[in-house]
Amino acid sequence: MKISREDVLRVAELAYLELSEAELEMYRLQIDEILEYIGKLNELDTAKVEPMAQVLSDDQTADATLREDLIVPCAVAEDVLKHAPDPEPPYFRVPKVIERQ
């Protein structure tokens, strides 16, 4: 699959990126290589590969591999809001930093 310069320009525009001509070409080539590799993976016969619902194999257990989820309180909001220029608990306003031209 060939990705066009216009495709890269559109993605850059959506991401608010200004790219030089050299960067445009470099990213076009890199994205094209990635898409070609994915195309090769799509050619693999996966008919006999069983779909996975878990990343653990049958001989692994979640207890031995994964840590327990812990809830840890985070009580910094009040302190942060004290230093905010325009607080309205539990939020504060910030100036707009991205201008679309």
N, C-alpha and C. Protein backbone atom coordinates (compact mmCIF):
# COMPACT_ATOMS: atom_id res chain seq x y z
N MET A 1 0.86 -1.18 0.00
CA MET A 1 0.00 0.00 0.00
C MET A 1 0.89 1.23 0.00
N LYS A 2 0.59 2.13 -0.85
CA LYS A 2 1.36 3.37 -0.92
C LYS A 2 0.56 4.47 -0.25
N ILE A 3 1.21 5.18 0.64
CA ILE A 3 0.58 6.33 1.29
C ILE A 3 1.07 7.58 0.57
N SER A 4 0.17 8.47 0.32
CA SER A 4 0.53 9.66 -0.45
C SER A 4 1.02 10.79 0.45
N ARG A 5 1.66 11.73 -0.17
CA ARG A 5 2.11 12.93 0.54
C ARG A 5 0.91 13.66 1.13
N GLU A 6 -0.21 13.66 0.40
CA GLU A 6 -1.43 14.33 0.85
C GLU A 6 -1.99 13.65 2.10
N ASP A 7 -1.86 12.30 2.17
CA ASP A 7 -2.31 11.57 3.36
C ASP A 7 -1.51 12.02 4.59
N VAL A 8 -0.20 12.12 4.42
CA VAL A 8 0.67 12.54 5.53
C VAL A 8 0.35 13.98 5.92
N LEU A 9 0.13 14.83 4.93
CA LEU A 9 -0.24 16.22 5.22
C LEU A 9 -1.54 16.30 6.01
N ARG A 10 -2.51 15.46 5.65
CA ARG A 10 -3.81 15.46 6.34
C ARG A 10 -3.65 15.01 7.79
N VAL A 11 -2.87 13.97 8.02
CA VAL A 11 -2.64 13.50 9.39
C VAL A 11 -1.90 14.56 10.19
N ALA A 12 -0.91 15.19 9.58
CA ALA A 12 -0.18 16.26 10.26
C ALA A 12 -1.11 17.42 10.60
N GLU A 13 -2.01 17.74 9.69
CA GLU A 13 -2.98 18.81 9.94
C GLU A 13 -3.89 18.46 11.11
N LEU A 14 -4.38 17.23 11.15
CA LEU A 14 -5.24 16.80 12.24
C LEU A 14 -4.52 16.83 13.59
N ALA A 15 -3.20 16.59 13.56
CA ALA A 15 -2.40 16.58 14.79
C ALA A 15 -1.78 17.95 15.08
N TYR A 16 -2.15 18.96 14.28
CA TYR A 16 -1.60 20.31 14.45
C TYR A 16 -0.08 20.32 14.37
N LEU A 17 0.48 19.57 13.42
CA LEU A 17 1.92 19.50 13.23
C LEU A 17 2.31 20.27 11.97
N GLU A 18 3.39 21.00 12.08
CA GLU A 18 3.96 21.64 10.91
C GLU A 18 5.22 20.87 10.55
N LEU A 19 5.22 20.23 9.39
CA LEU A 19 6.33 19.37 8.99
C LEU A 19 7.06 20.00 7.81
N SER A 20 8.37 19.85 7.84
CA SER A 20 9.17 20.29 6.70
C SER A 20 9.01 19.27 5.57
N GLU A 21 9.48 19.63 4.39
CA GLU A 21 9.40 18.71 3.25
C GLU A 21 10.16 17.42 3.54
N ALA A 22 11.31 17.54 4.20
CA ALA A 22 12.10 16.35 4.54
C ALA A 22 11.34 15.46 5.52
N GLU A 23 10.69 16.07 6.51
CA GLU A 23 9.92 15.29 7.49
C GLU A 23 8.72 14.63 6.82
N LEU A 24 8.06 15.35 5.92
CA LEU A 24 6.93 14.76 5.20
C LEU A 24 7.34 13.50 4.47
N GLU A 25 8.44 13.56 3.77
CA GLU A 25 8.90 12.40 3.01
C GLU A 25 9.36 11.28 3.95
N MET A 26 10.06 11.63 5.02
CA MET A 26 10.52 10.62 5.97
C MET A 26 9.32 9.88 6.58
N TYR A 27 8.31 10.63 7.04
CA TYR A 27 7.14 10.01 7.65
C TYR A 27 6.33 9.23 6.63
N ARG A 28 6.25 9.73 5.39
CA ARG A 28 5.54 8.99 4.35
C ARG A 28 6.17 7.62 4.13
N LEU A 29 7.51 7.61 4.06
CA LEU A 29 8.22 6.33 3.87
C LEU A 29 8.03 5.40 5.08
N GLN A 30 8.11 5.95 6.28
CA GLN A 30 7.97 5.13 7.48
C GLN A 30 6.56 4.54 7.59
N ILE A 31 5.55 5.37 7.33
CA ILE A 31 4.17 4.88 7.40
C ILE A 31 3.93 3.84 6.32
N ASP A 32 4.49 4.07 5.15
CA ASP A 32 4.35 3.11 4.06
C ASP A 32 4.97 1.76 4.43
N GLU A 33 6.14 1.78 5.06
CA GLU A 33 6.78 0.53 5.50
C GLU A 33 5.92 -0.20 6.52
N ILE A 34 5.33 0.53 7.44
CA ILE A 34 4.47 -0.07 8.46
C ILE A 34 3.26 -0.72 7.80
N LEU A 35 2.63 -0.01 6.87
CA LEU A 35 1.45 -0.54 6.20
C LEU A 35 1.79 -1.75 5.34
N GLU A 36 2.96 -1.75 4.71
CA GLU A 36 3.39 -2.92 3.93
C GLU A 36 3.58 -4.13 4.84
N TYR A 37 4.16 -3.91 6.01
CA TYR A 37 4.38 -5.01 6.95
C TYR A 37 3.03 -5.57 7.42
N ILE A 38 2.10 -4.69 7.72
CA ILE A 38 0.76 -5.14 8.12
C ILE A 38 0.12 -5.94 6.99
N GLY A 39 0.33 -5.49 5.77
CA GLY A 39 -0.19 -6.22 4.62
C GLY A 39 0.38 -7.63 4.56
N LYS A 40 1.67 -7.78 4.86
CA LYS A 40 2.29 -9.11 4.89
C LYS A 40 1.69 -9.96 6.00
N LEU A 41 1.44 -9.36 7.15
CA LEU A 41 0.83 -10.11 8.25
C LEU A 41 -0.57 -10.59 7.87
N ASN A 42 -1.30 -9.78 7.12
CA ASN A 42 -2.65 -10.16 6.68
C ASN A 42 -2.63 -11.34 5.72
N GLU A 43 -1.49 -11.62 5.11
CA GLU A 43 -1.38 -12.75 4.19
C GLU A 43 -1.22 -14.08 4.92
N LEU A 44 -0.89 -14.04 6.21
CA LEU A 44 -0.68 -15.27 6.97
C LEU A 44 -1.98 -16.04 7.13
N ASP A 45 -1.87 -17.36 7.03
CA ASP A 45 -3.03 -18.23 7.24
C ASP A 45 -3.22 -18.43 8.74
N THR A 46 -4.26 -17.84 9.27
CA THR A 46 -4.53 -17.94 10.71
C THR A 46 -5.77 -18.80 10.98
N ALA A 47 -6.18 -19.57 10.00
CA ALA A 47 -7.40 -20.38 10.14
C ALA A 47 -7.31 -21.36 11.31
N LYS A 48 -6.12 -21.89 11.57
CA LYS A 48 -5.97 -22.89 12.63
C LYS A 48 -5.48 -22.27 13.95
N VAL A 49 -5.41 -20.94 14.00
CA VAL A 49 -4.97 -20.26 15.22
C VAL A 49 -6.21 -19.89 16.02
N GLU A 50 -6.25 -20.40 17.25
CA GLU A 50 -7.40 -20.15 18.09
C GLU A 50 -7.38 -18.70 18.60
N PRO A 51 -8.52 -18.01 18.54
CA PRO A 51 -8.57 -16.63 19.05
C PRO A 51 -8.23 -16.58 20.54
N MET A 52 -7.58 -15.50 20.95
CA MET A 52 -7.20 -15.35 22.36
C MET A 52 -8.16 -14.40 23.06
N ALA A 53 -8.60 -14.80 24.23
CA ALA A 53 -9.39 -13.90 25.07
C ALA A 53 -8.51 -13.37 26.19
N GLN A 54 -7.41 -14.08 26.47
CA GLN A 54 -6.49 -13.70 27.53
C GLN A 54 -5.06 -13.78 26.98
N VAL A 55 -4.17 -13.01 27.57
CA VAL A 55 -2.78 -13.07 27.16
C VAL A 55 -2.01 -14.14 27.91
N LEU A 56 -2.64 -14.73 28.92
CA LEU A 56 -1.99 -15.78 29.69
C LEU A 56 -2.24 -17.13 29.05
N SER A 57 -1.23 -17.97 29.06
CA SER A 57 -1.42 -19.32 28.54
C SER A 57 -2.08 -20.18 29.62
N ASP A 58 -2.48 -21.40 29.26
CA ASP A 58 -3.18 -22.28 30.20
C ASP A 58 -2.34 -22.62 31.43
N ASP A 59 -1.00 -22.66 31.27
CA ASP A 59 -0.15 -23.04 32.40
C ASP A 59 0.22 -21.85 33.29
N GLN A 60 -0.26 -20.66 32.98
CA GLN A 60 -0.01 -19.48 33.80
C GLN A 60 -1.28 -19.12 34.56
N THR A 61 -1.08 -18.57 35.73
CA THR A 61 -2.23 -18.09 36.49
C THR A 61 -2.09 -16.60 36.71
N ALA A 62 -3.20 -15.92 36.81
CA ALA A 62 -3.19 -14.48 37.02
C ALA A 62 -2.53 -14.13 38.35
N ASP A 63 -2.71 -14.98 39.36
CA ASP A 63 -2.12 -14.70 40.68
C ASP A 63 -0.61 -14.63 40.62
N ALA A 64 0.00 -15.51 39.82
CA ALA A 64 1.46 -15.56 39.77
C ALA A 64 2.03 -14.50 38.84
N THR A 65 1.23 -13.98 37.92
CA THR A 65 1.74 -13.08 36.90
C THR A 65 1.38 -11.63 37.14
N LEU A 66 0.15 -11.38 37.57
CA LEU A 66 -0.33 -10.02 37.70
C LEU A 66 -0.38 -9.59 39.17
N ARG A 67 -0.18 -8.33 39.39
CA ARG A 67 -0.28 -7.83 40.76
C ARG A 67 -1.74 -7.48 41.05
N GLU A 68 -2.08 -7.42 42.29
CA GLU A 68 -3.43 -7.06 42.70
C GLU A 68 -3.65 -5.56 42.48
N ASP A 69 -4.82 -5.19 42.04
CA ASP A 69 -5.16 -3.78 41.90
C ASP A 69 -5.36 -3.18 43.29
N LEU A 70 -4.73 -2.06 43.53
CA LEU A 70 -4.87 -1.39 44.81
C LEU A 70 -5.44 0.00 44.60
N ILE A 71 -6.40 0.38 45.44
CA ILE A 71 -6.93 1.73 45.40
C ILE A 71 -6.11 2.58 46.35
N VAL A 72 -5.50 3.62 45.81
CA VAL A 72 -4.66 4.51 46.61
C VAL A 72 -5.27 5.91 46.56
N PRO A 73 -5.65 6.44 47.71
CA PRO A 73 -6.25 7.77 47.69
C PRO A 73 -5.26 8.83 47.22
N CYS A 74 -5.78 9.80 46.52
CA CYS A 74 -4.96 10.89 46.01
C CYS A 74 -5.65 12.20 46.37
N ALA A 75 -5.28 12.77 47.48
CA ALA A 75 -5.97 13.95 48.01
C ALA A 75 -5.16 15.22 47.76
N VAL A 76 -4.89 15.51 46.50
CA VAL A 76 -4.11 16.71 46.18
C VAL A 76 -4.95 17.80 45.54
N ALA A 77 -6.21 17.48 45.23
CA ALA A 77 -7.06 18.44 44.51
C ALA A 77 -7.19 19.75 45.27
N GLU A 78 -7.44 19.69 46.56
CA GLU A 78 -7.61 20.92 47.35
C GLU A 78 -6.37 21.79 47.32
N ASP A 79 -5.21 21.18 47.47
CA ASP A 79 -3.95 21.92 47.44
C ASP A 79 -3.70 22.53 46.06
N VAL A 80 -3.99 21.77 45.01
CA VAL A 80 -3.80 22.27 43.65
C VAL A 80 -4.73 23.45 43.39
N LEU A 81 -5.98 23.32 43.81
CA LEU A 81 -6.95 24.40 43.58
C LEU A 81 -6.58 25.68 44.33
N LYS A 82 -5.90 25.56 45.48
CA LYS A 82 -5.47 26.74 46.23
C LYS A 82 -4.52 27.59 45.40
N HIS A 83 -3.73 26.96 44.54
CA HIS A 83 -2.72 27.66 43.76
C HIS A 83 -3.20 28.01 42.34
N ALA A 84 -4.41 27.61 41.99
CA ALA A 84 -4.93 27.85 40.65
C ALA A 84 -5.41 29.29 40.52
N PRO A 85 -5.19 29.91 39.36
CA PRO A 85 -5.59 31.31 39.19
C PRO A 85 -7.11 31.50 39.10
N ASP A 86 -7.84 30.50 38.59
CA ASP A 86 -9.28 30.65 38.40
C ASP A 86 -9.99 29.36 38.82
N PRO A 87 -9.99 29.06 40.14
CA PRO A 87 -10.57 27.78 40.57
C PRO A 87 -12.10 27.84 40.69
N GLU A 88 -12.71 26.74 40.36
CA GLU A 88 -14.13 26.52 40.62
C GLU A 88 -14.24 25.04 40.96
N PRO A 89 -14.00 24.72 42.26
CA PRO A 89 -13.89 23.31 42.66
C PRO A 89 -14.99 22.45 42.06
N PRO A 90 -14.66 21.26 41.59
CA PRO A 90 -13.34 20.61 41.63
C PRO A 90 -12.51 20.89 40.38
N TYR A 91 -12.76 21.98 39.67
CA TYR A 91 -12.04 22.28 38.43
C TYR A 91 -11.35 23.63 38.53
N PHE A 92 -10.50 23.92 37.55
CA PHE A 92 -9.98 25.27 37.39
C PHE A 92 -9.76 25.54 35.91
N ARG A 93 -9.93 26.77 35.53
CA ARG A 93 -9.79 27.15 34.13
C ARG A 93 -8.32 27.40 33.81
N VAL A 94 -7.97 27.08 32.59
CA VAL A 94 -6.62 27.35 32.11
C VAL A 94 -6.72 28.10 30.79
N PRO A 95 -5.73 28.90 30.45
CA PRO A 95 -5.80 29.61 29.17
C PRO A 95 -5.70 28.65 27.99
N LYS A 96 -6.35 29.02 26.91
CA LYS A 96 -6.28 28.25 25.68
C LYS A 96 -4.85 28.30 25.16
N VAL A 97 -4.28 27.15 24.86
CA VAL A 97 -2.88 27.13 24.43
C VAL A 97 -2.72 26.74 22.95
N ILE A 98 -3.77 26.24 22.34
CA ILE A 98 -3.68 25.85 20.94
C ILE A 98 -4.67 26.69 20.15
N GLU A 99 -4.17 27.43 19.23
CA GLU A 99 -5.00 28.26 18.36
C GLU A 99 -5.02 27.63 16.98
N ARG A 100 -6.19 27.39 16.46
CA ARG A 100 -6.34 26.82 15.11
C ARG A 100 -6.37 27.96 14.11
N GLN A 101 -5.46 27.96 13.13
CA GLN A 101 -5.41 29.04 12.16
C GLN A 101 -5.94 28.62 10.83
